PDB file of N, CA and C in Angstrom:
ATOM      1  N   VAL A   1       0.848  -1.177   0.000  1.00  0.00           N
ATOM      2  CA  VAL A   1       0.000   0.000   0.000  1.00  0.00           C
ATOM      3  C   VAL A   1       0.892   1.238   0.000  1.00  0.00           C
ATOM      4  N   PRO A   2       0.648   2.181  -0.878  1.00  0.00           N
ATOM      5  CA  PRO A   2       1.437   3.410  -0.875  1.00  0.00           C
ATOM      6  C   PRO A   2       1.266   4.172   0.445  1.00  0.00           C
ATOM      7  N   LEU A   3       2.360   4.734   0.933  1.00  0.00           N
ATOM      8  CA  LEU A   3       2.308   5.437   2.206  1.00  0.00           C
ATOM      9  C   LEU A   3       1.361   6.631   2.172  1.00  0.00           C
ATOM     10  N   ASP A   4       1.353   7.372   1.070  1.00  0.00           N
ATOM     11  CA  ASP A   4       0.477   8.546   1.016  1.00  0.00           C
ATOM     12  C   ASP A   4      -0.994   8.137   1.069  1.00  0.00           C
ATOM     13  N   TRP A   5      -1.339   7.017   0.472  1.00  0.00           N
ATOM     14  CA  TRP A   5      -2.710   6.508   0.506  1.00  0.00           C
ATOM     15  C   TRP A   5      -3.095   6.155   1.941  1.00  0.00           C
ATOM     16  N   ALA A   6      -2.209   5.427   2.625  1.00  0.00           N
ATOM     17  CA  ALA A   6      -2.482   5.030   4.007  1.00  0.00           C
ATOM     18  C   ALA A   6      -2.550   6.253   4.911  1.00  0.00           C
ATOM     19  N   ARG A   7      -1.626   7.183   4.740  1.00  0.00           N
ATOM     20  CA  ARG A   7      -1.590   8.376   5.589  1.00  0.00           C
ATOM     21  C   ARG A   7      -2.871   9.200   5.416  1.00  0.00           C
ATOM     22  N   ALA A   8      -3.352   9.311   4.170  1.00  0.00           N
ATOM     23  CA  ALA A   8      -4.566  10.087   3.906  1.00  0.00           C
ATOM     24  C   ALA A   8      -5.775   9.476   4.614  1.00  0.00           C
ATOM     25  N   ARG A   9      -5.797   8.177   4.748  1.00  0.00           N
ATOM     26  CA  ARG A   9      -6.936   7.511   5.367  1.00  0.00           C
ATOM     27  C   ARG A   9      -6.821   7.394   6.880  1.00  0.00           C
ATOM     28  N   LEU A  10      -5.594   7.313   7.375  1.00  0.00           N
ATOM     29  CA  LEU A  10      -5.400   7.076   8.802  1.00  0.00           C
ATOM     30  C   LEU A  10      -5.031   8.328   9.585  1.00  0.00           C
ATOM     31  N   GLY A  11      -4.509   9.332   8.904  1.00  0.00           N
ATOM     32  CA  GLY A  11      -4.126  10.570   9.568  1.00  0.00           C
ATOM     33  C   GLY A  11      -2.721  10.510  10.131  1.00  0.00           C
ATOM     34  N   ASP A  12      -2.268  11.652  10.633  1.00  0.00           N
ATOM     35  CA  ASP A  12      -0.902  11.769  11.129  1.00  0.00           C
ATOM     36  C   ASP A  12      -0.703  11.171  12.510  1.00  0.00           C
ATOM     37  N   GLY A  13      -1.778  10.853  13.217  1.00  0.00           N
ATOM     38  CA  GLY A  13      -1.656  10.299  14.564  1.00  0.00           C
ATOM     39  C   GLY A  13      -1.273   8.835  14.598  1.00  0.00           C
ATOM     40  N   VAL A  14      -1.250   8.200  13.447  1.00  0.00           N
ATOM     41  CA  VAL A  14      -0.943   6.772  13.354  1.00  0.00           C
ATOM     42  C   VAL A  14       0.489   6.597  12.856  1.00  0.00           C
ATOM     43  N   VAL A  15       1.221   5.682  13.469  1.00  0.00           N
ATOM     44  CA  VAL A  15       2.576   5.372  13.015  1.00  0.00           C
ATOM     45  C   VAL A  15       2.478   4.320  11.913  1.00  0.00           C
ATOM     46  N   LEU A  16       3.032   4.640  10.754  1.00  0.00           N
ATOM     47  CA  LEU A  16       3.071   3.677   9.655  1.00  0.00           C
ATOM     48  C   LEU A  16       4.396   2.925   9.702  1.00  0.00           C
ATOM     49  N   GLN A  17       4.400   1.760   9.072  1.00  0.00           N
ATOM     50  CA  GLN A  17       5.578   0.897   9.134  1.00  0.00           C
ATOM     51  C   GLN A  17       5.771   0.202   7.804  1.00  0.00           C
ATOM     52  N   GLY A  18       7.049  -0.035   7.467  1.00  0.00           N
ATOM     53  CA  GLY A  18       7.374  -0.903   6.344  1.00  0.00           C
ATOM     54  C   GLY A  18       7.625  -0.198   5.039  1.00  0.00           C
ATOM     55  N   ASN A  19       7.381  -0.966   4.001  1.00  0.00           N
ATOM     56  CA  ASN A  19       7.280  -0.512   2.630  1.00  0.00           C
ATOM     57  C   ASN A  19       8.480  -0.749   1.725  1.00  0.00           C
ATOM     58  N   LEU A  20       9.551  -1.368   2.186  1.00  0.00           N
ATOM     59  CA  LEU A  20      10.627  -1.716   1.256  1.00  0.00           C
ATOM     60  C   LEU A  20      10.470  -3.190   0.884  1.00  0.00           C
ATOM     61  N   ASP A  21      10.318  -3.447  -0.398  1.00  0.00           N
ATOM     62  CA  ASP A  21      10.195  -4.818  -0.901  1.00  0.00           C
ATOM     63  C   ASP A  21      11.489  -5.572  -0.586  1.00  0.00           C
ATOM     64  N   PRO A  22      11.427  -6.690   0.145  1.00  0.00           N
ATOM     65  CA  PRO A  22      12.643  -7.411   0.502  1.00  0.00           C
ATOM     66  C   PRO A  22      13.425  -7.924  -0.709  1.00  0.00           C
ATOM     67  N   ALA A  23      12.750  -8.165  -1.827  1.00  0.00           N
ATOM     68  CA  ALA A  23      13.452  -8.614  -3.037  1.00  0.00           C
ATOM     69  C   ALA A  23      14.367  -7.528  -3.573  1.00  0.00           C
ATOM     70  N   LEU A  24      14.050  -6.272  -3.270  1.00  0.00           N
ATOM     71  CA  LEU A  24      14.893  -5.171  -3.734  1.00  0.00           C
ATOM     72  C   LEU A  24      16.277  -5.238  -3.116  1.00  0.00           C
ATOM     73  N   CYS A  25      16.401  -5.853  -1.956  1.00  0.00           N
ATOM     74  CA  CYS A  25      17.697  -5.966  -1.284  1.00  0.00           C
ATOM     75  C   CYS A  25      18.665  -6.872  -2.030  1.00  0.00           C
ATOM     76  N   LEU A  26      18.192  -7.515  -3.088  1.00  0.00           N
ATOM     77  CA  LEU A  26      19.053  -8.349  -3.930  1.00  0.00           C
ATOM     78  C   LEU A  26      19.675  -7.528  -5.065  1.00  0.00           C
ATOM     79  N   ALA A  27      19.222  -6.298  -5.230  1.00  0.00           N
ATOM     80  CA  ALA A  27      19.726  -5.423  -6.296  1.00  0.00           C
ATOM     81  C   ALA A  27      21.039  -4.780  -5.866  1.00  0.00           C
ATOM     82  N   GLN A  28      21.654  -4.044  -6.795  1.00  0.00           N
ATOM     83  CA  GLN A  28      22.843  -3.272  -6.451  1.00  0.00           C
ATOM     84  C   GLN A  28      22.478  -2.280  -5.366  1.00  0.00           C
ATOM     85  N   PHE A  29      23.424  -2.002  -4.485  1.00  0.00           N
ATOM     86  CA  PHE A  29      23.093  -1.200  -3.313  1.00  0.00           C
ATOM     87  C   PHE A  29      22.586   0.192  -3.657  1.00  0.00           C
ATOM     88  N   GLU A  30      23.083   0.807  -4.712  1.00  0.00           N
ATOM     89  CA  GLU A  30      22.604   2.144  -5.075  1.00  0.00           C
ATOM     90  C   GLU A  30      21.105   2.139  -5.335  1.00  0.00           C
ATOM     91  N   VAL A  31      20.594   1.058  -5.906  1.00  0.00           N
ATOM     92  CA  VAL A  31      19.146   0.925  -6.144  1.00  0.00           C
ATOM     93  C   VAL A  31      18.414   0.810  -4.810  1.00  0.00           C
ATOM     94  N   VAL A  32      18.960   0.035  -3.893  1.00  0.00           N
ATOM     95  CA  VAL A  32      18.375  -0.131  -2.567  1.00  0.00           C
ATOM     96  C   VAL A  32      18.326   1.208  -1.844  1.00  0.00           C
ATOM     97  N   ARG A  33      19.438   1.923  -1.838  1.00  0.00           N
ATOM     98  CA  ARG A  33      19.511   3.227  -1.160  1.00  0.00           C
ATOM     99  C   ARG A  33      18.514   4.210  -1.765  1.00  0.00           C
ATOM    100  N   GLU A  34      18.464   4.251  -3.086  1.00  0.00           N
ATOM    101  CA  GLU A  34      17.558   5.189  -3.756  1.00  0.00           C
ATOM    102  C   GLU A  34      16.105   4.927  -3.361  1.00  0.00           C
ATOM    103  N   ARG A  35      15.700   3.666  -3.352  1.00  0.00           N
ATOM    104  CA  ARG A  35      14.314   3.340  -2.994  1.00  0.00           C
ATOM    105  C   ARG A  35      14.049   3.631  -1.515  1.00  0.00           C
ATOM    106  N   ALA A  36      15.017   3.340  -0.659  1.00  0.00           N
ATOM    107  CA  ALA A  36      14.857   3.631   0.766  1.00  0.00           C
ATOM    108  C   ALA A  36      14.645   5.128   0.967  1.00  0.00           C
ATOM    109  N   HIS A  37      15.427   5.944   0.289  1.00  0.00           N
ATOM    110  CA  HIS A  37      15.285   7.389   0.428  1.00  0.00           C
ATOM    111  C   HIS A  37      13.964   7.875  -0.153  1.00  0.00           C
ATOM    112  N   GLU A  38      13.487   7.245  -1.227  1.00  0.00           N
ATOM    113  CA  GLU A  38      12.171   7.594  -1.775  1.00  0.00           C
ATOM    114  C   GLU A  38      11.079   7.320  -0.740  1.00  0.00           C
ATOM    115  N   ILE A  39      11.167   6.173  -0.080  1.00  0.00           N
ATOM    116  CA  ILE A  39      10.180   5.823   0.949  1.00  0.00           C
ATOM    117  C   ILE A  39      10.227   6.845   2.077  1.00  0.00           C
ATOM    118  N   LEU A  40      11.422   7.172   2.529  1.00  0.00           N
ATOM    119  CA  LEU A  40      11.560   8.138   3.614  1.00  0.00           C
ATOM    120  C   LEU A  40      11.063   9.520   3.198  1.00  0.00           C
ATOM    121  N   ASP A  41      11.306   9.903   1.953  1.00  0.00           N
ATOM    122  CA  ASP A  41      10.787  11.176   1.452  1.00  0.00           C
ATOM    123  C   ASP A  41       9.256  11.182   1.462  1.00  0.00           C
ATOM    124  N   GLU A  42       8.655  10.029   1.126  1.00  0.00           N
ATOM    125  CA  GLU A  42       7.196   9.908   1.124  1.00  0.00           C
ATOM    126  C   GLU A  42       6.606  10.134   2.517  1.00  0.00           C
ATOM    127  N   THR A  43       7.359   9.824   3.548  1.00  0.00           N
ATOM    128  CA  THR A  43       6.833   9.986   4.905  1.00  0.00           C
ATOM    129  C   THR A  43       6.756  11.446   5.297  1.00  0.00           C
ATOM    130  N   GLY A  44       7.522  12.292   4.630  1.00  0.00           N
ATOM    131  CA  GLY A  44       7.515  13.707   4.964  1.00  0.00           C
ATOM    132  C   GLY A  44       7.992  13.977   6.378  1.00  0.00           C
ATOM    133  N   GLY A  45       8.770  13.068   6.936  1.00  0.00           N
ATOM    134  CA  GLY A  45       9.266  13.237   8.297  1.00  0.00           C
ATOM    135  C   GLY A  45       8.236  12.896   9.363  1.00  0.00           C
ATOM    136  N   ARG A  46       7.070  12.388   8.935  1.00  0.00           N
ATOM    137  CA  ARG A  46       6.033  12.033   9.900  1.00  0.00           C
ATOM    138  C   ARG A  46       6.297  10.660  10.486  1.00  0.00           C
ATOM    139  N   ARG A  47       5.524  10.278  11.436  1.00  0.00           N
ATOM    140  CA  ARG A  47       5.715   9.048  12.206  1.00  0.00           C
ATOM    141  C   ARG A  47       5.760   7.821  11.291  1.00  0.00           C
ATOM    142  N   HIS A  48       6.904   7.140  11.296  1.00  0.00           N
ATOM    143  CA  HIS A  48       7.107   6.000  10.402  1.00  0.00           C
ATOM    144  C   HIS A  48       8.213   5.105  10.944  1.00  0.00           C
ATOM    145  N   VAL A  49       7.979   3.812  10.922  1.00  0.00           N
ATOM    146  CA  VAL A  49       8.998   2.829  11.271  1.00  0.00           C
ATOM    147  C   VAL A  49       9.450   2.208   9.951  1.00  0.00           C
ATOM    148  N   PHE A  50      10.679   2.489   9.565  1.00  0.00           N
ATOM    149  CA  PHE A  50      11.187   1.954   8.301  1.00  0.00           C
ATOM    150  C   PHE A  50      11.550   0.485   8.496  1.00  0.00           C
ATOM    151  N   ASN A  51      11.019  -0.371   7.647  1.00  0.00           N
ATOM    152  CA  ASN A  51      11.437  -1.771   7.616  1.00  0.00           C
ATOM    153  C   ASN A  51      11.010  -2.400   6.302  1.00  0.00           C
ATOM    154  N   LEU A  52      11.273  -3.669   6.180  1.00  0.00           N
ATOM    155  CA  LEU A  52      10.902  -4.387   4.971  1.00  0.00           C
ATOM    156  C   LEU A  52       9.414  -4.700   4.998  1.00  0.00           C
ATOM    157  N   GLY A  53       8.835  -4.835   3.817  1.00  0.00           N
ATOM    158  CA  GLY A  53       7.428  -5.181   3.725  1.00  0.00           C
ATOM    159  C   GLY A  53       7.159  -6.612   4.150  1.00  0.00           C
ATOM    160  N   HIS A  54       8.197  -7.409   4.304  1.00  0.00           N
ATOM    161  CA  HIS A  54       8.091  -8.799   4.727  1.00  0.00           C
ATOM    162  C   HIS A  54       9.469  -9.197   5.235  1.00  0.00           C
ATOM    163  N   GLY A  55       9.715 -10.451   5.488  1.00  0.00           N
ATOM    164  CA  GLY A  55      10.998 -10.897   6.022  1.00  0.00           C
ATOM    165  C   GLY A  55      12.147 -10.801   5.039  1.00  0.00           C
ATOM    166  N   VAL A  56      13.340 -10.996   5.555  1.00  0.00           N
ATOM    167  CA  VAL A  56      14.561 -10.966   4.747  1.00  0.00           C
ATOM    168  C   VAL A  56      14.671 -12.276   3.966  1.00  0.00           C
ATOM    169  N   LEU A  57      14.945 -12.160   2.683  1.00  0.00           N
ATOM    170  CA  LEU A  57      15.142 -13.351   1.858  1.00  0.00           C
ATOM    171  C   LEU A  57      16.465 -14.023   2.219  1.00  0.00           C
ATOM    172  N   PRO A  58      16.514 -15.351   2.218  1.00  0.00           N
ATOM    173  CA  PRO A  58      17.738 -16.063   2.619  1.00  0.00           C
ATOM    174  C   PRO A  58      18.975 -15.692   1.804  1.00  0.00           C
ATOM    175  N   SER A  59      18.799 -15.298   0.563  1.00  0.00           N
ATOM    176  CA  SER A  59      19.950 -14.990  -0.288  1.00  0.00           C
ATOM    177  C   SER A  59      20.419 -13.532  -0.163  1.00  0.00           C
ATOM    178  N   THR A  60      19.828 -12.777   0.738  1.00  0.00           N
ATOM    179  CA  THR A  60      20.215 -11.378   0.926  1.00  0.00           C
ATOM    180  C   THR A  60      21.576 -11.289   1.596  1.00  0.00           C
ATOM    181  N   ASP A  61      22.434 -10.455   1.046  1.00  0.00           N
ATOM    182  CA  ASP A  61      23.765 -10.230   1.609  1.00  0.00           C
ATOM    183  C   ASP A  61      23.614  -9.419   2.903  1.00  0.00           C
ATOM    184  N   PRO A  62      24.104  -9.918   4.031  1.00  0.00           N
ATOM    185  CA  PRO A  62      24.007  -9.168   5.292  1.00  0.00           C
ATOM    186  C   PRO A  62      24.619  -7.777   5.203  1.00  0.00           C
ATOM    187  N   ASP A  63      25.659  -7.608   4.373  1.00  0.00           N
ATOM    188  CA  ASP A  63      26.276  -6.299   4.204  1.00  0.00           C
ATOM    189  C   ASP A  63      25.289  -5.297   3.608  1.00  0.00           C
ATOM    190  N   THR A  64      24.437  -5.761   2.714  1.00  0.00           N
ATOM    191  CA  THR A  64      23.415  -4.888   2.135  1.00  0.00           C
ATOM    192  C   THR A  64      22.486  -4.379   3.222  1.00  0.00           C
ATOM    193  N   LEU A  65      22.101  -5.258   4.138  1.00  0.00           N
ATOM    194  CA  LEU A  65      21.213  -4.848   5.225  1.00  0.00           C
ATOM    195  C   LEU A  65      21.898  -3.854   6.160  1.00  0.00           C
ATOM    196  N   ALA A  66      23.158  -4.078   6.446  1.00  0.00           N
ATOM    197  CA  ALA A  66      23.905  -3.151   7.302  1.00  0.00           C
ATOM    198  C   ALA A  66      24.009  -1.783   6.635  1.00  0.00           C
ATOM    199  N   ARG A  67      24.281  -1.780   5.352  1.00  0.00           N
ATOM    200  CA  ARG A  67      24.382  -0.521   4.618  1.00  0.00           C
ATOM    201  C   ARG A  67      23.024   0.169   4.515  1.00  0.00           C
ATOM    202  N   LEU A  68      21.968  -0.613   4.424  1.00  0.00           N
ATOM    203  CA  LEU A  68      20.612  -0.066   4.387  1.00  0.00           C
ATOM    204  C   LEU A  68      20.300   0.663   5.697  1.00  0.00           C
ATOM    205  N   VAL A  69      20.648   0.045   6.806  1.00  0.00           N
ATOM    206  CA  VAL A  69      20.429   0.689   8.107  1.00  0.00           C
ATOM    207  C   VAL A  69      21.189   2.018   8.158  1.00  0.00           C
ATOM    208  N   GLU A  70      22.417   2.023   7.699  1.00  0.00           N
ATOM    209  CA  GLU A  70      23.210   3.253   7.678  1.00  0.00           C
ATOM    210  C   GLU A  70      22.553   4.323   6.798  1.00  0.00           C
ATOM    211  N   ALA A  71      22.046   3.908   5.634  1.00  0.00           N
ATOM    212  CA  ALA A  71      21.409   4.860   4.707  1.00  0.00           C
ATOM    213  C   ALA A  71      20.161   5.480   5.327  1.00  0.00           C
ATOM    214  N   VAL A  72      19.398   4.665   6.060  1.00  0.00           N
ATOM    215  CA  VAL A  72      18.196   5.189   6.725  1.00  0.00           C
ATOM    216  C   VAL A  72      18.597   6.173   7.822  1.00  0.00           C
ATOM    217  N   HIS A  73      19.601   5.840   8.588  1.00  0.00           N
ATOM    218  CA  HIS A  73      20.057   6.741   9.649  1.00  0.00           C
ATOM    219  C   HIS A  73      20.612   8.037   9.076  1.00  0.00           C
ATOM    220  N   GLU A  74      21.311   7.960   7.951  1.00  0.00           N
ATOM    221  CA  GLU A  74      21.874   9.149   7.313  1.00  0.00           C
ATOM    222  C   GLU A  74      20.786  10.089   6.795  1.00  0.00           C
ATOM    223  N   TRP A  75      19.667   9.520   6.334  1.00  0.00           N
ATOM    224  CA  TRP A  75      18.596  10.320   5.786  1.00  0.00           C
ATOM    225  C   TRP A  75      18.091  11.281   6.833  1.00  0.00           C
TER     226      TRP A  75
END
């Protein structure tokens, strides 16, 4: 579900969570970072818990996840 759609229906008092497709973590890291920043931009700085839309795929490189956490913190 797009964050703006959910936010419009639930309001700013609700904390939203998720929205990064776990399969995207298999892509080159620049693609992962770009999408993560797009998601964070969509939140507009409002209440949001950044995480994957589902669990981590077994073939995901742990380094990608570590770098993803850093990219979210840097944003």
